[in-house]
């Protein structure tokens, strides 16, 4: 039996986690009647957590994301899309 070495990327896992968190935060903001894009951008620019609702633990979730890493991923995605 031949076993192959499986490789994985911590960076890809981190990006996947950021996407999941942003999706959950987006959904929570939308459910509360906010404009999710405006609120998330406000948070990213200011790092003021009050832009994000506490509903469904969204504020705690968004604070788990490093803003600099998030911006890097967003720019990378934008330029490669």
C-alpha atoms as a PDB file:
ATOM      1  CA  UNK A   1       0.000   0.000   0.000  1.00  0.00           C
ATOM      2  CA  UNK A   2       1.396   3.362  -1.009  1.00  0.00           C
ATOM      3  CA  UNK A   3       0.783   6.169   1.388  1.00  0.00           C
ATOM      4  CA  UNK A   4       0.917   9.691   0.125  1.00  0.00           C
ATOM      5  CA  UNK A   5       1.928  12.537   2.324  1.00  0.00           C
ATOM      6  CA  UNK A   6      -0.961  14.926   2.654  1.00  0.00           C
ATOM      7  CA  UNK A   7      -0.138  18.582   2.719  1.00  0.00           C
ATOM      8  CA  UNK A   8      -2.274  21.323   4.057  1.00  0.00           C
ATOM      9  CA  UNK A   9      -1.987  25.032   4.297  1.00  0.00           C
ATOM     10  CA  UNK A  10      -2.536  26.817   7.565  1.00  0.00           C
ATOM     11  CA  UNK A  11      -3.048  29.958   5.488  1.00  0.00           C
ATOM     12  CA  UNK A  12      -5.918  28.346   3.556  1.00  0.00           C
ATOM     13  CA  UNK A  13      -7.490  27.187   6.818  1.00  0.00           C
ATOM     14  CA  UNK A  14      -7.196  30.715   8.195  1.00  0.00           C
ATOM     15  CA  UNK A  15      -8.832  32.165   5.088  1.00  0.00           C
ATOM     16  CA  UNK A  16     -11.636  29.627   5.331  1.00  0.00           C
ATOM     17  CA  UNK A  17     -12.178  30.536   8.987  1.00  0.00           C
ATOM     18  CA  UNK A  18     -12.265  34.257   8.134  1.00  0.00           C
ATOM     19  CA  UNK A  19     -14.826  33.622   5.399  1.00  0.00           C
ATOM     20  CA  UNK A  20     -16.997  31.625   7.801  1.00  0.00           C
ATOM     21  CA  UNK A  21     -16.817  34.319  10.476  1.00  0.00           C
ATOM     22  CA  UNK A  22     -17.576  37.120   8.021  1.00  0.00           C
ATOM     23  CA  UNK A  23     -20.537  35.171   6.681  1.00  0.00           C
ATOM     24  CA  UNK A  24     -21.946  34.676  10.173  1.00  0.00           C
ATOM     25  CA  UNK A  25     -21.397  38.344  11.053  1.00  0.00           C
ATOM     26  CA  UNK A  26     -22.972  39.422   7.759  1.00  0.00           C
ATOM     27  CA  UNK A  27     -26.031  37.240   8.426  1.00  0.00           C
ATOM     28  CA  UNK A  28     -26.423  38.552  11.983  1.00  0.00           C
ATOM     29  CA  UNK A  29     -26.235  42.170  10.813  1.00  0.00           C
ATOM     30  CA  UNK A  30     -28.739  41.516   8.029  1.00  0.00           C
ATOM     31  CA  UNK A  31     -31.149  39.782  10.414  1.00  0.00           C
ATOM     32  CA  UNK A  32     -31.014  42.802  12.721  1.00  0.00           C
ATOM     33  CA  UNK A  33     -31.854  45.131   9.815  1.00  0.00           C
ATOM     34  CA  UNK A  34     -28.440  46.745   9.338  1.00  0.00           C
ATOM     35  CA  UNK A  35     -26.590  47.248   6.066  1.00  0.00           C
ATOM     36  CA  UNK A  36     -23.967  44.524   6.631  1.00  0.00           C
ATOM     37  CA  UNK A  37     -21.416  45.849   4.138  1.00  0.00           C
ATOM     38  CA  UNK A  38     -21.440  49.361   5.621  1.00  0.00           C
ATOM     39  CA  UNK A  39     -21.183  48.024   9.160  1.00  0.00           C
ATOM     40  CA  UNK A  40     -18.319  45.643   8.392  1.00  0.00           C
ATOM     41  CA  UNK A  41     -16.409  48.334   6.495  1.00  0.00           C
ATOM     42  CA  UNK A  42     -16.944  50.718   9.410  1.00  0.00           C
ATOM     43  CA  UNK A  43     -15.513  48.129  11.758  1.00  0.00           C
ATOM     44  CA  UNK A  44     -12.528  47.381   9.521  1.00  0.00           C
ATOM     45  CA  UNK A  45     -11.655  51.062   9.135  1.00  0.00           C
ATOM     46  CA  UNK A  46     -12.103  52.043  12.779  1.00  0.00           C
ATOM     47  CA  UNK A  47     -11.704  48.790  14.728  1.00  0.00           C
ATOM     48  CA  UNK A  48     -14.678  50.027  16.747  1.00  0.00           C
ATOM     49  CA  UNK A  49     -16.610  46.872  17.711  1.00  0.00           C
ATOM     50  CA  UNK A  50     -19.860  48.802  18.154  1.00  0.00           C
ATOM     51  CA  UNK A  51     -20.297  48.675  14.378  1.00  0.00           C
ATOM     52  CA  UNK A  52     -21.067  44.968  14.844  1.00  0.00           C
ATOM     53  CA  UNK A  53     -24.155  43.715  16.633  1.00  0.00           C
ATOM     54  CA  UNK A  54     -23.880  41.394  19.601  1.00  0.00           C
ATOM     55  CA  UNK A  55     -26.714  39.347  18.091  1.00  0.00           C
ATOM     56  CA  UNK A  56     -25.680  35.707  17.543  1.00  0.00           C
ATOM     57  CA  UNK A  57     -22.298  36.490  19.100  1.00  0.00           C
ATOM     58  CA  UNK A  58     -21.275  38.419  15.957  1.00  0.00           C
ATOM     59  CA  UNK A  59     -19.185  40.996  17.806  1.00  0.00           C
ATOM     60  CA  UNK A  60     -17.116  38.342  19.547  1.00  0.00           C
ATOM     61  CA  UNK A  61     -16.660  36.468  16.284  1.00  0.00           C
ATOM     62  CA  UNK A  62     -15.423  39.467  14.294  1.00  0.00           C
ATOM     63  CA  UNK A  63     -12.845  40.270  16.954  1.00  0.00           C
ATOM     64  CA  UNK A  64     -11.210  36.875  16.333  1.00  0.00           C
ATOM     65  CA  UNK A  65     -10.124  38.104  12.896  1.00  0.00           C
ATOM     66  CA  UNK A  66      -6.909  40.077  12.578  1.00  0.00           C
ATOM     67  CA  UNK A  67      -7.849  43.126  10.485  1.00  0.00           C
ATOM     68  CA  UNK A  68      -4.485  43.265   8.701  1.00  0.00           C
ATOM     69  CA  UNK A  69      -4.777  39.625   7.652  1.00  0.00           C
ATOM     70  CA  UNK A  70      -8.354  40.209   6.542  1.00  0.00           C
ATOM     71  CA  UNK A  71      -7.337  43.158   4.381  1.00  0.00           C
ATOM     72  CA  UNK A  72      -4.524  41.137   2.818  1.00  0.00           C
ATOM     73  CA  UNK A  73      -6.921  38.328   1.938  1.00  0.00           C
ATOM     74  CA  UNK A  74      -9.488  40.774   0.553  1.00  0.00           C
ATOM     75  CA  UNK A  75      -6.934  42.543  -1.669  1.00  0.00           C
ATOM     76  CA  UNK A  76      -5.544  39.215  -2.846  1.00  0.00           C
ATOM     77  CA  UNK A  77      -9.028  37.978  -3.681  1.00  0.00           C
ATOM     78  CA  UNK A  78      -9.971  41.198  -5.459  1.00  0.00           C
ATOM     79  CA  UNK A  79      -6.844  41.161  -7.610  1.00  0.00           C
ATOM     80  CA  UNK A  80      -7.129  37.483  -8.538  1.00  0.00           C
ATOM     81  CA  UNK A  81     -10.886  37.341  -9.139  1.00  0.00           C
END
